[in-house]
Structure formats: C-alpha cells, structure tokens
Amino acid sequence: MKKSVVGLIENITIYGEDGKGKKIMARIDSGATKSSIDVKLAAELRLGPIIKTKVVKSTHGNTLRPVVNAKIEIAGKKIISEVTIADRTYMKYQLLIGQNILKKGNFMIDPRKK
C-alpha cells in the first residue's frame, strides 16, 4: 500500500451513525497510541455502541475511557478504527489522530505540510 503524507493538522471527515460526514480539523499525534474524539462530537454524530473501555495514560493521569468504532476519511483514505471518547472541551481540536489510524492508513507525517 502506498504511503500518504499528512501534516500535523489535517482536514478530515468523520462519519456519523446516519452516514453523513462532518468536516473538521484534527490534530495528528504520533505519540498517542489511540485516537481520541470529544464526547460532544461523538454524541452529535451518535457514535456507538461502546465496544469496550480502555485505561488511557495522559498528562492528566490515568483515566478509563469508552471506546467506539468511527469511520474517518483522511488524505483520501476511508478508515474504520477504534477511538476513545474524552472531554476535549479545553483542547483546540475535537479529534486527535493517533498511531492506530496512522498505521492502518499507512500514513507518513511531514510536519512542514500545510
């Protein structure tokens, strides 16, 4: 599979339960093992059901988060992958793309890419 180049911030589409896509800006984070979505955005898109819970280590300590599957389109590739649900209200981006999606989509990060 050919590698696609993404920047640190990417315009992506995330698909809800009804199949309608919502375009948002997402933060690419190669240091994050799992991807994470804001709880309000997950509710708006009606993502679910919760398939499991996962302990996530962050700068705020360990937290138990619900996990759902989400369909995301990034750099022209549609990927279904697990995302944890977290309160990202105080963060600039509602979606963080982690290693699980980067590996699945065979992405390479170029921090200079705009």
PDB file of N, CA and C in Angstrom:
ATOM      1  N   MET A   1       0.853  -1.181   0.000  1.00  0.00           N
ATOM      2  CA  MET A   1       0.000   0.000   0.000  1.00  0.00           C
ATOM      3  C   MET A   1       0.899   1.245   0.000  1.00  0.00           C
ATOM      4  N   LYS A   2       0.540   2.219  -0.815  1.00  0.00           N
ATOM      5  CA  LYS A   2       1.314   3.452  -0.946  1.00  0.00           C
ATOM      6  C   LYS A   2       1.135   4.326   0.299  1.00  0.00           C
ATOM      7  N   LYS A   3       2.231   4.931   0.756  1.00  0.00           N
ATOM      8  CA  LYS A   3       2.166   5.842   1.899  1.00  0.00           C
ATOM      9  C   LYS A   3       1.545   7.169   1.485  1.00  0.00           C
ATOM     10  N   SER A   4       0.687   7.705   2.333  1.00  0.00           N
ATOM     11  CA  SER A   4       0.117   9.033   2.137  1.00  0.00           C
ATOM     12  C   SER A   4       0.749   9.957   3.162  1.00  0.00           C
ATOM     13  N   VAL A   5       1.047  11.174   2.750  1.00  0.00           N
ATOM     14  CA  VAL A   5       1.688  12.138   3.638  1.00  0.00           C
ATOM     15  C   VAL A   5       0.624  13.033   4.271  1.00  0.00           C
ATOM     16  N   VAL A   6       0.701  13.159   5.598  1.00  0.00           N
ATOM     17  CA  VAL A   6      -0.196  14.053   6.336  1.00  0.00           C
ATOM     18  C   VAL A   6       0.659  15.038   7.127  1.00  0.00           C
ATOM     19  N   GLY A   7       0.078  16.185   7.452  1.00  0.00           N
ATOM     20  CA  GLY A   7       0.749  17.174   8.277  1.00  0.00           C
ATOM     21  C   GLY A   7       0.370  16.997   9.734  1.00  0.00           C
ATOM     22  N   LEU A   8       0.748  17.946  10.569  1.00  0.00           N
ATOM     23  CA  LEU A   8       0.415  17.877  11.997  1.00  0.00           C
ATOM     24  C   LEU A   8      -1.049  18.195  12.254  1.00  0.00           C
ATOM     25  N   ILE A   9      -1.650  18.949  11.342  1.00  0.00           N
ATOM     26  CA  ILE A   9      -3.076  19.271  11.397  1.00  0.00           C
ATOM     27  C   ILE A   9      -3.661  18.869  10.048  1.00  0.00           C
ATOM     28  N   GLU A  10      -4.767  18.135  10.054  1.00  0.00           N
ATOM     29  CA  GLU A  10      -5.377  17.684   8.805  1.00  0.00           C
ATOM     30  C   GLU A  10      -6.878  17.953   8.810  1.00  0.00           C
ATOM     31  N   ASN A  11      -7.380  18.316   7.648  1.00  0.00           N
ATOM     32  CA  ASN A  11      -8.811  18.464   7.449  1.00  0.00           C
ATOM     33  C   ASN A  11      -9.347  17.062   7.161  1.00  0.00           C
ATOM     34  N   ILE A  12     -10.229  16.561   8.005  1.00  0.00           N
ATOM     35  CA  ILE A  12     -10.741  15.201   7.853  1.00  0.00           C
ATOM     36  C   ILE A  12     -12.269  15.229   7.831  1.00  0.00           C
ATOM     37  N   THR A  13     -12.837  14.109   7.424  1.00  0.00           N
ATOM     38  CA  THR A  13     -14.289  13.926   7.515  1.00  0.00           C
ATOM     39  C   THR A  13     -14.529  12.748   8.432  1.00  0.00           C
ATOM     40  N   ILE A  14     -15.422  12.937   9.388  1.00  0.00           N
ATOM     41  CA  ILE A  14     -15.810  11.837  10.270  1.00  0.00           C
ATOM     42  C   ILE A  14     -17.287  11.565  10.025  1.00  0.00           C
ATOM     43  N   TYR A  15     -17.622  10.291   9.930  1.00  0.00           N
ATOM     44  CA  TYR A  15     -18.976   9.889   9.567  1.00  0.00           C
ATOM     45  C   TYR A  15     -19.757   9.441  10.797  1.00  0.00           C
ATOM     46  N   GLY A  16     -21.004   9.911  10.863  1.00  0.00           N
ATOM     47  CA  GLY A  16     -21.877   9.561  11.972  1.00  0.00           C
ATOM     48  C   GLY A  16     -22.685   8.320  11.688  1.00  0.00           C
ATOM     49  N   GLU A  17     -23.557   8.001  12.620  1.00  0.00           N
ATOM     50  CA  GLU A  17     -24.420   6.828  12.540  1.00  0.00           C
ATOM     51  C   GLU A  17     -25.273   6.835  11.272  1.00  0.00           C
ATOM     52  N   ASP A  18     -25.705   8.028  10.854  1.00  0.00           N
ATOM     53  CA  ASP A  18     -26.570   8.149   9.674  1.00  0.00           C
ATOM     54  C   ASP A  18     -25.787   8.149   8.359  1.00  0.00           C
ATOM     55  N   GLY A  19     -24.453   8.043   8.438  1.00  0.00           N
ATOM     56  CA  GLY A  19     -23.628   8.008   7.238  1.00  0.00           C
ATOM     57  C   GLY A  19     -23.234   9.378   6.714  1.00  0.00           C
ATOM     58  N   LYS A  20     -23.773  10.431   7.321  1.00  0.00           N
ATOM     59  CA  LYS A  20     -23.417  11.790   6.903  1.00  0.00           C
ATOM     60  C   LYS A  20     -22.064  12.166   7.484  1.00  0.00           C
ATOM     61  N   GLY A  21     -21.261  12.834   6.661  1.00  0.00           N
ATOM     62  CA  GLY A  21     -19.930  13.225   7.095  1.00  0.00           C
ATOM     63  C   GLY A  21     -19.899  14.639   7.646  1.00  0.00           C
ATOM     64  N   LYS A  22     -19.018  14.858   8.595  1.00  0.00           N
ATOM     65  CA  LYS A  22     -18.783  16.187   9.149  1.00  0.00           C
ATOM     66  C   LYS A  22     -17.303  16.493   8.994  1.00  0.00           C
ATOM     67  N   LYS A  23     -16.998  17.625   8.342  1.00  0.00           N
ATOM     68  CA  LYS A  23     -15.607  18.021   8.141  1.00  0.00           C
ATOM     69  C   LYS A  23     -15.119  18.797   9.363  1.00  0.00           C
ATOM     70  N   ILE A  24     -13.960  18.388   9.864  1.00  0.00           N
ATOM     71  CA  ILE A  24     -13.335  19.077  10.992  1.00  0.00           C
ATOM     72  C   ILE A  24     -11.822  19.044  10.818  1.00  0.00           C
ATOM     73  N   MET A  25     -11.144  19.868  11.583  1.00  0.00           N
ATOM     74  CA  MET A  25      -9.683  19.836  11.618  1.00  0.00           C
ATOM     75  C   MET A  25      -9.288  18.902  12.766  1.00  0.00           C
ATOM     76  N   ALA A  26      -8.323  18.039  12.503  1.00  0.00           N
ATOM     77  CA  ALA A  26      -7.867  17.079  13.512  1.00  0.00           C
ATOM     78  C   ALA A  26      -6.370  17.242  13.740  1.00  0.00           C
ATOM     79  N   ARG A  27      -5.942  16.950  14.938  1.00  0.00           N
ATOM     80  CA  ARG A  27      -4.532  17.003  15.314  1.00  0.00           C
ATOM     81  C   ARG A  27      -3.932  15.621  15.096  1.00  0.00           C
ATOM     82  N   ILE A  28      -2.810  15.554  14.412  1.00  0.00           N
ATOM     83  CA  ILE A  28      -2.092  14.300  14.200  1.00  0.00           C
ATOM     84  C   ILE A  28      -1.060  14.179  15.314  1.00  0.00           C
ATOM     85  N   ASP A  29      -1.077  13.057  16.029  1.00  0.00           N
ATOM     86  CA  ASP A  29      -0.185  12.869  17.172  1.00  0.00           C
ATOM     87  C   ASP A  29       0.422  11.474  17.142  1.00  0.00           C
ATOM     88  N   SER A  30       1.646  11.383  16.636  1.00  0.00           N
ATOM     89  CA  SER A  30       2.311  10.080  16.539  1.00  0.00           C
ATOM     90  C   SER A  30       2.687   9.522  17.914  1.00  0.00           C
ATOM     91  N   GLY A  31       2.617  10.348  18.946  1.00  0.00           N
ATOM     92  CA  GLY A  31       2.917   9.888  20.297  1.00  0.00           C
ATOM     93  C   GLY A  31       1.725   9.257  20.997  1.00  0.00           C
ATOM     94  N   ALA A  32       0.531   9.423  20.420  1.00  0.00           N
ATOM     95  CA  ALA A  32      -0.685   8.845  21.006  1.00  0.00           C
ATOM     96  C   ALA A  32      -0.915   7.458  20.418  1.00  0.00           C
ATOM     97  N   THR A  33      -1.065   6.475  21.269  1.00  0.00           N
ATOM     98  CA  THR A  33      -1.300   5.108  20.800  1.00  0.00           C
ATOM     99  C   THR A  33      -2.662   4.997  20.132  1.00  0.00           C
ATOM    100  N   LYS A  34      -3.693   5.550  20.773  1.00  0.00           N
ATOM    101  CA  LYS A  34      -5.066   5.501  20.264  1.00  0.00           C
ATOM    102  C   LYS A  34      -5.524   6.885  19.855  1.00  0.00           C
ATOM    103  N   SER A  35      -6.490   6.917  18.956  1.00  0.00           N
ATOM    104  CA  SER A  35      -7.127   8.164  18.558  1.00  0.00           C
ATOM    105  C   SER A  35      -8.202   8.504  19.576  1.00  0.00           C
ATOM    106  N   SER A  36      -8.554   9.793  19.666  1.00  0.00           N
ATOM    107  CA  SER A  36      -9.498  10.248  20.673  1.00  0.00           C
ATOM    108  C   SER A  36     -10.439  11.296  20.089  1.00  0.00           C
ATOM    109  N   ILE A  37     -11.718  11.212  20.454  1.00  0.00           N
ATOM    110  CA  ILE A  37     -12.728  12.149  19.971  1.00  0.00           C
ATOM    111  C   ILE A  37     -13.413  12.814  21.156  1.00  0.00           C
ATOM    112  N   ASP A  38     -13.815  14.064  20.959  1.00  0.00           N
ATOM    113  CA  ASP A  38     -14.513  14.792  22.018  1.00  0.00           C
ATOM    114  C   ASP A  38     -15.881  14.169  22.274  1.00  0.00           C
ATOM    115  N   VAL A  39     -16.262  14.117  23.517  1.00  0.00           N
ATOM    116  CA  VAL A  39     -17.517  13.498  23.928  1.00  0.00           C
ATOM    117  C   VAL A  39     -18.730  14.172  23.253  1.00  0.00           C
ATOM    118  N   LYS A  40     -18.704  15.496  23.102  1.00  0.00           N
ATOM    119  CA  LYS A  40     -19.835  16.203  22.476  1.00  0.00           C
ATOM    120  C   LYS A  40     -19.943  15.885  20.991  1.00  0.00           C
ATOM    121  N   LEU A  41     -18.812  15.793  20.302  1.00  0.00           N
ATOM    122  CA  LEU A  41     -18.817  15.443  18.877  1.00  0.00           C
ATOM    123  C   LEU A  41     -19.286  14.000  18.695  1.00  0.00           C
ATOM    124  N   ALA A  42     -18.844  13.102  19.557  1.00  0.00           N
ATOM    125  CA  ALA A  42     -19.267  11.699  19.492  1.00  0.00           C
ATOM    126  C   ALA A  42     -20.785  11.594  19.673  1.00  0.00           C
ATOM    127  N   ALA A  43     -21.330  12.392  20.597  1.00  0.00           N
ATOM    128  CA  ALA A  43     -22.775  12.385  20.826  1.00  0.00           C
ATOM    129  C   ALA A  43     -23.519  12.975  19.630  1.00  0.00           C
ATOM    130  N   GLU A  44     -22.998  14.071  19.078  1.00  0.00           N
ATOM    131  CA  GLU A  44     -23.618  14.716  17.917  1.00  0.00           C
ATOM    132  C   GLU A  44     -23.686  13.756  16.721  1.00  0.00           C
ATOM    133  N   LEU A  45     -22.630  12.984  16.522  1.00  0.00           N
ATOM    134  CA  LEU A  45     -22.570  12.031  15.407  1.00  0.00           C
ATOM    135  C   LEU A  45     -23.247  10.700  15.740  1.00  0.00           C
ATOM    136  N   ARG A  46     -23.615  10.547  17.007  1.00  0.00           N
ATOM    137  CA  ARG A  46     -24.245   9.325  17.511  1.00  0.00           C
ATOM    138  C   ARG A  46     -23.367   8.108  17.276  1.00  0.00           C
ATOM    139  N   LEU A  47     -22.093   8.260  17.640  1.00  0.00           N
ATOM    140  CA  LEU A  47     -21.156   7.147  17.505  1.00  0.00           C
ATOM    141  C   LEU A  47     -21.456   6.112  18.577  1.00  0.00           C
ATOM    142  N   GLY A  48     -21.319   4.889  18.233  1.00  0.00           N
ATOM    143  CA  GLY A  48     -21.575   3.819  19.184  1.00  0.00           C
ATOM    144  C   GLY A  48     -21.943   2.564  18.431  1.00  0.00           C
ATOM    145  N   PRO A  49     -22.165   1.508  19.132  1.00  0.00           N
ATOM    146  CA  PRO A  49     -22.183   1.371  20.584  1.00  0.00           C
ATOM    147  C   PRO A  49     -20.763   1.345  21.166  1.00  0.00           C
ATOM    148  N   ILE A  50     -20.703   1.498  22.475  1.00  0.00           N
ATOM    149  CA  ILE A  50     -19.421   1.376  23.175  1.00  0.00           C
ATOM    150  C   ILE A  50     -19.025  -0.099  23.096  1.00  0.00           C
ATOM    151  N   ILE A  51     -17.831  -0.366  22.558  1.00  0.00           N
ATOM    152  CA  ILE A  51     -17.405  -1.757  22.380  1.00  0.00           C
ATOM    153  C   ILE A  51     -16.536  -2.265  23.534  1.00  0.00           C
ATOM    154  N   LYS A  52     -15.909  -1.332  24.255  1.00  0.00           N
ATOM    155  CA  LYS A  52     -15.102  -1.699  25.417  1.00  0.00           C
ATOM    156  C   LYS A  52     -14.671  -0.420  26.121  1.00  0.00           C
ATOM    157  N   THR A  53     -13.945  -0.567  27.215  1.00  0.00           N
ATOM    158  CA  THR A  53     -13.342   0.581  27.877  1.00  0.00           C
ATOM    159  C   THR A  53     -11.835   0.343  27.910  1.00  0.00           C
ATOM    160  N   LYS A  54     -11.093   1.430  28.004  1.00  0.00           N
ATOM    161  CA  LYS A  54      -9.629   1.340  27.977  1.00  0.00           C
ATOM    162  C   LYS A  54      -9.047   2.343  28.954  1.00  0.00           C
ATOM    163  N   VAL A  55      -8.027   1.923  29.693  1.00  0.00           N
ATOM    164  CA  VAL A  55      -7.297   2.834  30.569  1.00  0.00           C
ATOM    165  C   VAL A  55      -6.312   3.600  29.686  1.00  0.00           C
ATOM    166  N   VAL A  56      -6.400   4.928  29.735  1.00  0.00           N
ATOM    167  CA  VAL A  56      -5.546   5.776  28.914  1.00  0.00           C
ATOM    168  C   VAL A  56      -4.656   6.612  29.827  1.00  0.00           C
ATOM    169  N   LYS A  57      -3.362   6.589  29.541  1.00  0.00           N
ATOM    170  CA  LYS A  57      -2.403   7.394  30.301  1.00  0.00           C
ATOM    171  C   LYS A  57      -2.217   8.711  29.562  1.00  0.00           C
ATOM    172  N   SER A  58      -2.367   9.806  30.270  1.00  0.00           N
ATOM    173  CA  SER A  58      -2.152  11.124  29.664  1.00  0.00           C
ATOM    174  C   SER A  58      -1.459  12.025  30.677  1.00  0.00           C
ATOM    175  N   THR A  59      -1.254  13.272  30.296  1.00  0.00           N
ATOM    176  CA  THR A  59      -0.623  14.223  31.207  1.00  0.00           C
ATOM    177  C   THR A  59      -1.502  14.495  32.427  1.00  0.00           C
ATOM    178  N   HIS A  60      -2.786  14.169  32.318  1.00  0.00           N
ATOM    179  CA  HIS A  60      -3.730  14.385  33.418  1.00  0.00           C
ATOM    180  C   HIS A  60      -3.868  13.151  34.314  1.00  0.00           C
ATOM    181  N   GLY A  61      -3.079  12.107  34.024  1.00  0.00           N
ATOM    182  CA  GLY A  61      -3.149  10.881  34.807  1.00  0.00           C
ATOM    183  C   GLY A  61      -3.864   9.785  34.029  1.00  0.00           C
ATOM    184  N   ASN A  62      -4.144   8.677  34.709  1.00  0.00           N
ATOM    185  CA  ASN A  62      -4.833   7.550  34.079  1.00  0.00           C
ATOM    186  C   ASN A  62      -6.336   7.736  34.171  1.00  0.00           C
ATOM    187  N   THR A  63      -7.021   7.497  33.047  1.00  0.00           N
ATOM    188  CA  THR A  63      -8.487   7.577  33.042  1.00  0.00           C
ATOM    189  C   THR A  63      -9.047   6.384  32.282  1.00  0.00           C
ATOM    190  N   LEU A  64     -10.236   5.973  32.653  1.00  0.00           N
ATOM    191  CA  LEU A  64     -10.938   4.895  31.975  1.00  0.00           C
ATOM    192  C   LEU A  64     -11.866   5.534  30.952  1.00  0.00           C
ATOM    193  N   ARG A  65     -11.672   5.215  29.679  1.00  0.00           N
ATOM    194  CA  ARG A  65     -12.462   5.836  28.621  1.00  0.00           C
ATOM    195  C   ARG A  65     -13.240   4.793  27.828  1.00  0.00           C
ATOM    196  N   PRO A  66     -14.457   5.173  27.398  1.00  0.00           N
ATOM    197  CA  PRO A  66     -15.197   4.287  26.495  1.00  0.00           C
ATOM    198  C   PRO A  66     -14.555   4.305  25.109  1.00  0.00           C
ATOM    199  N   VAL A  67     -14.699   3.191  24.390  1.00  0.00           N
ATOM    200  CA  VAL A  67     -14.139   3.057  23.042  1.00  0.00           C
ATOM    201  C   VAL A  67     -15.263   2.722  22.060  1.00  0.00           C
ATOM    202  N   VAL A  68     -15.274   3.420  20.923  1.00  0.00           N
ATOM    203  CA  VAL A  68     -16.246   3.164  19.857  1.00  0.00           C
ATOM    204  C   VAL A  68     -15.500   3.042  18.529  1.00  0.00           C
ATOM    205  N   ASN A  69     -16.163   2.483  17.536  1.00  0.00           N
ATOM    206  CA  ASN A  69     -15.614   2.471  16.196  1.00  0.00           C
ATOM    207  C   ASN A  69     -16.070   3.724  15.470  1.00  0.00           C
ATOM    208  N   ALA A  70     -15.191   4.314  14.679  1.00  0.00           N
ATOM    209  CA  ALA A  70     -15.526   5.508  13.909  1.00  0.00           C
ATOM    210  C   ALA A  70     -14.982   5.353  12.495  1.00  0.00           C
ATOM    211  N   LYS A  71     -15.740   5.891  11.541  1.00  0.00           N
ATOM    212  CA  LYS A  71     -15.291   5.903  10.146  1.00  0.00           C
ATOM    213  C   LYS A  71     -14.771   7.297   9.849  1.00  0.00           C
ATOM    214  N   ILE A  72     -13.502   7.364   9.434  1.00  0.00           N
ATOM    215  CA  ILE A  72     -12.816   8.636   9.218  1.00  0.00           C
ATOM    216  C   ILE A  72     -12.217   8.641   7.822  1.00  0.00           C
ATOM    217  N   GLU A  73     -12.335   9.777   7.146  1.00  0.00           N
ATOM    218  CA  GLU A  73     -11.666   9.944   5.856  1.00  0.00           C
ATOM    219  C   GLU A  73     -10.553  10.959   6.037  1.00  0.00           C
ATOM    220  N   ILE A  74      -9.341  10.517   5.751  1.00  0.00           N
ATOM    221  CA  ILE A  74      -8.170  11.368   5.915  1.00  0.00           C
ATOM    222  C   ILE A  74      -7.246  11.145   4.713  1.00  0.00           C
ATOM    223  N   ALA A  75      -6.836  12.220   4.088  1.00  0.00           N
ATOM    224  CA  ALA A  75      -5.955  12.178   2.908  1.00  0.00           C
ATOM    225  C   ALA A  75      -6.502  11.240   1.837  1.00  0.00           C
ATOM    226  N   GLY A  76      -7.824  11.269   1.650  1.00  0.00           N
ATOM    227  CA  GLY A  76      -8.459  10.463   0.609  1.00  0.00           C
ATOM    228  C   GLY A  76      -8.676   9.003   0.954  1.00  0.00           C
ATOM    229  N   LYS A  77      -8.316   8.585   2.176  1.00  0.00           N
ATOM    230  CA  LYS A  77      -8.496   7.188   2.590  1.00  0.00           C
ATOM    231  C   LYS A  77      -9.582   7.111   3.658  1.00  0.00           C
ATOM    232  N   LYS A  78     -10.518   6.171   3.475  1.00  0.00           N
ATOM    233  CA  LYS A  78     -11.557   5.934   4.479  1.00  0.00           C
ATOM    234  C   LYS A  78     -11.104   4.779   5.367  1.00  0.00           C
ATOM    235  N   ILE A  79     -11.127   5.041   6.661  1.00  0.00           N
ATOM    236  CA  ILE A  79     -10.629   4.073   7.638  1.00  0.00           C
ATOM    237  C   ILE A  79     -11.649   3.917   8.758  1.00  0.00           C
ATOM    238  N   ILE A  80     -11.915   2.684   9.137  1.00  0.00           N
ATOM    239  CA  ILE A  80     -12.742   2.423  10.316  1.00  0.00           C
ATOM    240  C   ILE A  80     -11.789   1.951  11.404  1.00  0.00           C
ATOM    241  N   SER A  81     -11.832   2.645  12.526  1.00  0.00           N
ATOM    242  CA  SER A  81     -10.904   2.315  13.597  1.00  0.00           C
ATOM    243  C   SER A  81     -11.501   2.684  14.954  1.00  0.00           C
ATOM    244  N   GLU A  82     -10.906   2.157  15.995  1.00  0.00           N
ATOM    245  CA  GLU A  82     -11.346   2.478  17.351  1.00  0.00           C
ATOM    246  C   GLU A  82     -10.871   3.873  17.747  1.00  0.00           C
ATOM    247  N   VAL A  83     -11.745   4.589  18.458  1.00  0.00           N
ATOM    248  CA  VAL A  83     -11.388   5.878  19.059  1.00  0.00           C
ATOM    249  C   VAL A  83     -11.903   5.883  20.490  1.00  0.00           C
ATOM    250  N   THR A  84     -11.134   6.503  21.373  1.00  0.00           N
ATOM    251  CA  THR A  84     -11.603   6.654  22.748  1.00  0.00           C
ATOM    252  C   THR A  84     -12.396   7.950  22.832  1.00  0.00           C
ATOM    253  N   ILE A  85     -13.349   7.995  23.729  1.00  0.00           N
ATOM    254  CA  ILE A  85     -14.162   9.193  23.930  1.00  0.00           C
ATOM    255  C   ILE A  85     -13.654   9.917  25.174  1.00  0.00           C
ATOM    256  N   ALA A  86     -13.359  11.211  25.008  1.00  0.00           N
ATOM    257  CA  ALA A  86     -12.804  12.006  26.111  1.00  0.00           C
ATOM    258  C   ALA A  86     -13.385  13.414  26.070  1.00  0.00           C
ATOM    259  N   ASP A  87     -13.298  14.109  27.174  1.00  0.00           N
ATOM    260  CA  ASP A  87     -13.701  15.517  27.213  1.00  0.00           C
ATOM    261  C   ASP A  87     -12.542  16.345  26.668  1.00  0.00           C
ATOM    262  N   ARG A  88     -12.687  16.813  25.432  1.00  0.00           N
ATOM    263  CA  ARG A  88     -11.655  17.623  24.789  1.00  0.00           C
ATOM    264  C   ARG A  88     -12.107  19.080  24.688  1.00  0.00           C
ATOM    265  N   THR A  89     -13.044  19.479  25.521  1.00  0.00           N
ATOM    266  CA  THR A  89     -13.600  20.837  25.505  1.00  0.00           C
ATOM    267  C   THR A  89     -12.520  21.904  25.541  1.00  0.00           C
ATOM    268  N   TYR A  90     -11.510  21.696  26.358  1.00  0.00           N
ATOM    269  CA  TYR A  90     -10.481  22.714  26.540  1.00  0.00           C
ATOM    270  C   TYR A  90      -9.294  22.536  25.598  1.00  0.00           C
ATOM    271  N   MET A  91      -9.459  21.667  24.620  1.00  0.00           N
ATOM    272  CA  MET A  91      -8.394  21.455  23.646  1.00  0.00           C
ATOM    273  C   MET A  91      -8.808  22.071  22.314  1.00  0.00           C
ATOM    274  N   LYS A  92      -7.834  22.450  21.519  1.00  0.00           N
ATOM    275  CA  LYS A  92      -8.100  23.154  20.268  1.00  0.00           C
ATOM    276  C   LYS A  92      -8.805  22.272  19.238  1.00  0.00           C
ATOM    277  N   TYR A  93      -8.511  20.971  19.246  1.00  0.00           N
ATOM    278  CA  TYR A  93      -9.066  20.065  18.237  1.00  0.00           C
ATOM    279  C   TYR A  93      -9.968  19.017  18.880  1.00  0.00           C
ATOM    280  N   GLN A  94     -11.119  18.765  18.235  1.00  0.00           N
ATOM    281  CA  GLN A  94     -12.089  17.801  18.757  1.00  0.00           C
ATOM    282  C   GLN A  94     -11.684  16.356  18.488  1.00  0.00           C
ATOM    283  N   LEU A  95     -10.715  16.177  17.598  1.00  0.00           N
ATOM    284  CA  LEU A  95     -10.285  14.827  17.242  1.00  0.00           C
ATOM    285  C   LEU A  95      -8.766  14.769  17.198  1.00  0.00           C
ATOM    286  N   LEU A  96      -8.222  13.739  17.834  1.00  0.00           N
ATOM    287  CA  LEU A  96      -6.792  13.501  17.811  1.00  0.00           C
ATOM    288  C   LEU A  96      -6.583  12.174  17.081  1.00  0.00           C
ATOM    289  N   ILE A  97      -5.768  12.209  16.036  1.00  0.00           N
ATOM    290  CA  ILE A  97      -5.467  11.007  15.264  1.00  0.00           C
ATOM    291  C   ILE A  97      -4.172  10.408  15.805  1.00  0.00           C
ATOM    292  N   GLY A  98      -4.271   9.185  16.327  1.00  0.00           N
ATOM    293  CA  GLY A  98      -3.119   8.520  16.925  1.00  0.00           C
ATOM    294  C   GLY A  98      -2.545   7.423  16.041  1.00  0.00           C
ATOM    295  N   GLN A  99      -1.631   6.660  16.623  1.00  0.00           N
ATOM    296  CA  GLN A  99      -0.905   5.618  15.894  1.00  0.00           C
ATOM    297  C   GLN A  99      -1.818   4.569  15.279  1.00  0.00           C
ATOM    298  N   ASN A 100      -2.933   4.242  15.945  1.00  0.00           N
ATOM    299  CA  ASN A 100      -3.791   3.177  15.415  1.00  0.00           C
ATOM    300  C   ASN A 100      -4.310   3.523  14.016  1.00  0.00           C
ATOM    301  N   ILE A 101      -4.678   4.769  13.778  1.00  0.00           N
ATOM    302  CA  ILE A 101      -5.159   5.184  12.450  1.00  0.00           C
ATOM    303  C   ILE A 101      -3.981   5.429  11.512  1.00  0.00           C
ATOM    304  N   LEU A 102      -2.907   6.014  12.018  1.00  0.00           N
ATOM    305  CA  LEU A 102      -1.735   6.290  11.180  1.00  0.00           C
ATOM    306  C   LEU A 102      -1.161   4.994  10.591  1.00  0.00           C
ATOM    307  N   LYS A 103      -1.101   3.939  11.393  1.00  0.00           N
ATOM    308  CA  LYS A 103      -0.580   2.654  10.919  1.00  0.00           C
ATOM    309  C   LYS A 103      -1.548   2.001   9.938  1.00  0.00           C
ATOM    310  N   LYS A 104      -2.825   2.007  10.292  1.00  0.00           N
ATOM    311  CA  LYS A 104      -3.846   1.368   9.460  1.00  0.00           C
ATOM    312  C   LYS A 104      -3.914   1.997   8.072  1.00  0.00           C
ATOM    313  N   GLY A 105      -3.774   3.313   8.004  1.00  0.00           N
ATOM    314  CA  GLY A 105      -3.845   4.015   6.731  1.00  0.00           C
ATOM    315  C   GLY A 105      -2.509   4.158   6.030  1.00  0.00           C
ATOM    316  N   ASN A 106      -1.444   3.639   6.653  1.00  0.00           N
ATOM    317  CA  ASN A 106      -0.101   3.722   6.079  1.00  0.00           C
ATOM    318  C   ASN A 106       0.296   5.183   5.820  1.00  0.00           C
ATOM    319  N   PHE A 107       0.125   6.018   6.845  1.00  0.00           N
ATOM    320  CA  PHE A 107       0.432   7.438   6.724  1.00  0.00           C
ATOM    321  C   PHE A 107       1.842   7.747   7.188  1.00  0.00           C
ATOM    322  N   MET A 108       2.408   8.761   6.592  1.00  0.00           N
ATOM    323  CA  MET A 108       3.706   9.296   6.988  1.00  0.00           C
ATOM    324  C   MET A 108       3.480  10.772   7.345  1.00  0.00           C
ATOM    325  N   ILE A 109       4.095  11.234   8.417  1.00  0.00           N
ATOM    326  CA  ILE A 109       3.890  12.616   8.875  1.00  0.00           C
ATOM    327  C   ILE A 109       5.009  13.518   8.379  1.00  0.00           C
ATOM    328  N   ASP A 110       4.618  14.625   7.766  1.00  0.00           N
ATOM    329  CA  ASP A 110       5.569  15.670   7.372  1.00  0.00           C
ATOM    330  C   ASP A 110       5.157  16.942   8.117  1.00  0.00           C
ATOM    331  N   PRO A 111       5.889  17.325   9.160  1.00  0.00           N
ATOM    332  CA  PRO A 111       5.498  18.485   9.958  1.00  0.00           C
ATOM    333  C   PRO A 111       5.495  19.798   9.169  1.00  0.00           C
ATOM    334  N   ARG A 112       6.121  19.828   8.005  1.00  0.00           N
ATOM    335  CA  ARG A 112       6.138  21.053   7.180  1.00  0.00           C
ATOM    336  C   ARG A 112       4.900  21.175   6.296  1.00  0.00           C
ATOM    337  N   LYS A 113       4.147  20.075   6.171  1.00  0.00           N
ATOM    338  CA  LYS A 113       2.982  20.078   5.286  1.00  0.00           C
ATOM    339  C   LYS A 113       1.890  20.986   5.837  1.00  0.00           C
ATOM    340  N   LYS A 114       1.355  21.822   4.961  1.00  0.00           N
ATOM    341  CA  LYS A 114       0.262  22.742   5.341  1.00  0.00           C
ATOM    342  C   LYS A 114      -1.045  22.225   4.793  1.00  0.00           C
TER     343      LYS A 114
END
